[in-house]
């Protein structure tokens, strides 16, 4: 699992309450998952185009 708390995100999280830190970490995870799913969708789209040309 990737480390979502880089030095820059740690400095942001340092000023948050415990509940806000949990929310912040969840948002970072969701952003990561969104980026991953977008990458997968792009790869599938390229594959589909490749097969559609045949």
N, C-alpha and C. Protein backbone atom coordinates (compact mmCIF):
# COMPACT_ATOMS: atom_id res chain seq x y z
N UNK A 1 0.85 -1.18 0.00
CA UNK A 1 0.00 0.00 0.00
C UNK A 1 0.89 1.24 0.00
N UNK A 2 0.55 2.18 -0.86
CA UNK A 2 1.37 3.40 -0.92
C UNK A 2 1.27 4.22 0.37
N UNK A 3 2.34 4.95 0.63
CA UNK A 3 2.34 5.85 1.78
C UNK A 3 1.74 7.18 1.33
N UNK A 4 0.54 7.48 1.80
CA UNK A 4 -0.14 8.69 1.39
C UNK A 4 0.36 9.91 2.15
N UNK A 5 1.05 9.70 3.26
CA UNK A 5 1.52 10.84 4.06
C UNK A 5 2.96 11.19 3.71
N UNK A 6 3.11 11.91 2.64
CA UNK A 6 4.41 12.42 2.23
C UNK A 6 4.75 13.59 3.16
N UNK A 7 5.99 14.09 3.12
CA UNK A 7 6.32 15.24 3.98
C UNK A 7 5.36 16.42 3.82
N UNK A 8 4.93 16.71 2.59
CA UNK A 8 4.03 17.85 2.41
C UNK A 8 2.64 17.57 2.99
N UNK A 9 2.14 16.34 2.83
CA UNK A 9 0.83 16.02 3.40
C UNK A 9 0.91 15.88 4.91
N UNK A 10 2.07 15.48 5.42
CA UNK A 10 2.24 15.41 6.87
C UNK A 10 2.17 16.79 7.50
N UNK A 11 2.74 17.78 6.82
CA UNK A 11 2.70 19.14 7.37
C UNK A 11 1.28 19.68 7.37
N UNK A 12 0.48 19.30 6.35
CA UNK A 12 -0.92 19.70 6.32
C UNK A 12 -1.68 18.99 7.44
N UNK A 13 -1.46 17.69 7.58
CA UNK A 13 -2.17 16.88 8.57
C UNK A 13 -1.80 17.29 10.00
N UNK A 14 -0.63 17.86 10.19
CA UNK A 14 -0.19 18.24 11.53
C UNK A 14 -1.11 19.27 12.17
N UNK A 15 -1.79 20.06 11.35
CA UNK A 15 -2.65 21.12 11.87
C UNK A 15 -4.11 20.70 12.00
N UNK A 16 -4.40 19.44 11.72
CA UNK A 16 -5.78 18.97 11.74
C UNK A 16 -6.10 18.22 13.02
N UNK A 17 -7.37 18.21 13.36
CA UNK A 17 -7.82 17.41 14.51
C UNK A 17 -7.76 15.93 14.12
N UNK A 18 -7.82 15.02 15.09
CA UNK A 18 -7.77 13.59 14.76
C UNK A 18 -8.85 13.17 13.75
N UNK A 19 -10.05 13.67 13.91
CA UNK A 19 -11.12 13.31 12.97
C UNK A 19 -10.83 13.88 11.58
N UNK A 20 -10.34 15.12 11.53
CA UNK A 20 -9.98 15.72 10.25
C UNK A 20 -8.84 14.97 9.58
N UNK A 21 -7.89 14.47 10.37
CA UNK A 21 -6.78 13.69 9.81
C UNK A 21 -7.30 12.42 9.15
N UNK A 22 -8.26 11.77 9.79
CA UNK A 22 -8.84 10.55 9.22
C UNK A 22 -9.53 10.88 7.90
N UNK A 23 -10.31 11.95 7.90
CA UNK A 23 -10.99 12.37 6.66
C UNK A 23 -9.98 12.70 5.57
N UNK A 24 -8.95 13.42 5.95
CA UNK A 24 -7.91 13.82 4.99
C UNK A 24 -7.25 12.59 4.37
N UNK A 25 -6.92 11.61 5.20
CA UNK A 25 -6.30 10.39 4.71
C UNK A 25 -7.26 9.64 3.78
N UNK A 26 -8.53 9.61 4.12
CA UNK A 26 -9.51 8.95 3.25
C UNK A 26 -9.60 9.66 1.90
N UNK A 27 -9.56 10.98 1.91
CA UNK A 27 -9.60 11.75 0.66
C UNK A 27 -8.37 11.43 -0.19
N UNK A 28 -7.21 11.37 0.44
CA UNK A 28 -5.98 11.04 -0.30
C UNK A 28 -6.09 9.65 -0.91
N UNK A 29 -6.61 8.69 -0.15
CA UNK A 29 -6.78 7.33 -0.67
C UNK A 29 -7.76 7.31 -1.84
N UNK A 30 -8.86 8.04 -1.71
CA UNK A 30 -9.84 8.10 -2.79
C UNK A 30 -9.24 8.71 -4.05
N UNK A 31 -8.43 9.75 -3.88
CA UNK A 31 -7.78 10.38 -5.03
C UNK A 31 -6.83 9.38 -5.71
N UNK A 32 -6.12 8.61 -4.89
CA UNK A 32 -5.20 7.60 -5.44
C UNK A 32 -5.98 6.54 -6.22
N UNK A 33 -7.08 6.05 -5.62
CA UNK A 33 -7.89 5.03 -6.28
C UNK A 33 -8.50 5.57 -7.57
N UNK A 34 -8.91 6.82 -7.56
CA UNK A 34 -9.47 7.44 -8.76
C UNK A 34 -8.43 7.48 -9.87
N UNK A 35 -7.22 7.87 -9.52
CA UNK A 35 -6.15 7.93 -10.51
C UNK A 35 -5.84 6.54 -11.06
N UNK A 36 -5.84 5.54 -10.19
CA UNK A 36 -5.59 4.16 -10.61
C UNK A 36 -6.69 3.68 -11.56
N UNK A 37 -7.94 3.91 -11.18
CA UNK A 37 -9.05 3.48 -12.02
C UNK A 37 -9.04 4.20 -13.37
N UNK A 38 -8.66 5.47 -13.36
CA UNK A 38 -8.57 6.23 -14.62
C UNK A 38 -7.50 5.63 -15.51
N UNK A 39 -6.38 5.24 -14.92
CA UNK A 39 -5.30 4.62 -15.70
C UNK A 39 -5.74 3.29 -16.28
N UNK A 40 -6.44 2.49 -15.49
CA UNK A 40 -6.94 1.20 -15.96
C UNK A 40 -7.94 1.41 -17.09
N UNK A 41 -8.84 2.37 -16.92
CA UNK A 41 -9.84 2.65 -17.96
C UNK A 41 -9.15 3.08 -19.26
N UNK A 42 -8.11 3.87 -19.14
CA UNK A 42 -7.38 4.32 -20.33
C UNK A 42 -6.73 3.13 -21.03
N UNK A 43 -6.12 2.24 -20.27
CA UNK A 43 -5.49 1.06 -20.86
C UNK A 43 -6.53 0.16 -21.53
N UNK A 44 -7.68 -0.03 -20.89
CA UNK A 44 -8.74 -0.84 -21.49
C UNK A 44 -9.26 -0.20 -22.78
N UNK A 45 -9.35 1.11 -22.78
CA UNK A 45 -9.79 1.83 -23.98
C UNK A 45 -8.81 1.62 -25.12
N UNK A 46 -7.52 1.66 -24.82
CA UNK A 46 -6.50 1.43 -25.85
C UNK A 46 -6.58 0.00 -26.37
N UNK A 47 -6.78 -0.96 -25.46
CA UNK A 47 -6.91 -2.36 -25.86
C UNK A 47 -8.13 -2.55 -26.76
N UNK A 48 -9.23 -1.93 -26.38
CA UNK A 48 -10.46 -2.04 -27.17
C UNK A 48 -10.24 -1.50 -28.58
N UNK A 49 -9.58 -0.36 -28.68
CA UNK A 49 -9.31 0.23 -30.00
C UNK A 49 -8.44 -0.70 -30.83
N UNK A 50 -7.47 -1.33 -30.19
CA UNK A 50 -6.57 -2.25 -30.87
C UNK A 50 -7.35 -3.43 -31.45
N UNK A 51 -8.25 -4.00 -30.65
CA UNK A 51 -9.03 -5.13 -31.13
C UNK A 51 -10.09 -4.70 -32.14
N UNK A 52 -10.61 -3.50 -32.03
CA UNK A 52 -11.63 -3.02 -32.94
C UNK A 52 -11.09 -2.81 -34.35
N UNK A 53 -9.79 -2.57 -34.45
CA UNK A 53 -9.18 -2.35 -35.76
C UNK A 53 -9.07 -3.64 -36.57
N UNK A 54 -9.13 -4.76 -35.92
CA UNK A 54 -8.94 -6.05 -36.60
C UNK A 54 -10.14 -6.46 -37.38
